């Protein structure tokens, strides 16, 4: 049975006209007072339990691979820098011109990629006073994920005339695309065909949430 909560609104008397809302648990009573402090008893224990659960959730999110990817690549400028790197751009001024990004923003993104091991900063062979930014194996390994993002954009966001560019194998070879996801029976894989299970490195929270394989 779901626990029913009651939300009360209190309007203090006098010059203080700010309203204060408090949640009232049917057994534990109000979970907060107008002064912002938690009352004792069950409400305090419930707040402590909620805090611990939130901490476990935050820990699980920090350990999530997607969350870690977003911490490195999760913004527009970072993806555009990677786009240019996959196009063959190497020098700072070329990144700056092709993306149309401010130099301070570009500097931060390139430094972040170097620190994260996706790029390495090397002196240019043509001009010793210039540096270039080359993809590492780690940076190249993101290319399939980039192609998947590009395909989604081409399919759902491109203009009616079609996408802007495509990748193909050198020498006039065939178009490079992400292969479609298929089930073990060879049929197109849909989200509803999948389930989530905890992996070997799962946090206790995720093991409890998703179970084992």
Foldseek 3Di string as FASTA:
>chain_A
DDWDKDWDWDQDDDPRRDIDIFIQGPPFGTQADPVGDGDDDPSVVVVVVVVVVVVLVVVQLVPDPVSVCCVQQVDDLLLLLLVVLVVPFWFLVVSCVVVVDDSVVSVVNLVSCCVVQQWPWAADPVDRVTITIHGDPVVVVCVLVSLVVVVVCQVPPDDPVTDDDFDADPPPHDTDHRDFDADPVGHGDDPVNDADADDPPGDPVRCVVHNHD
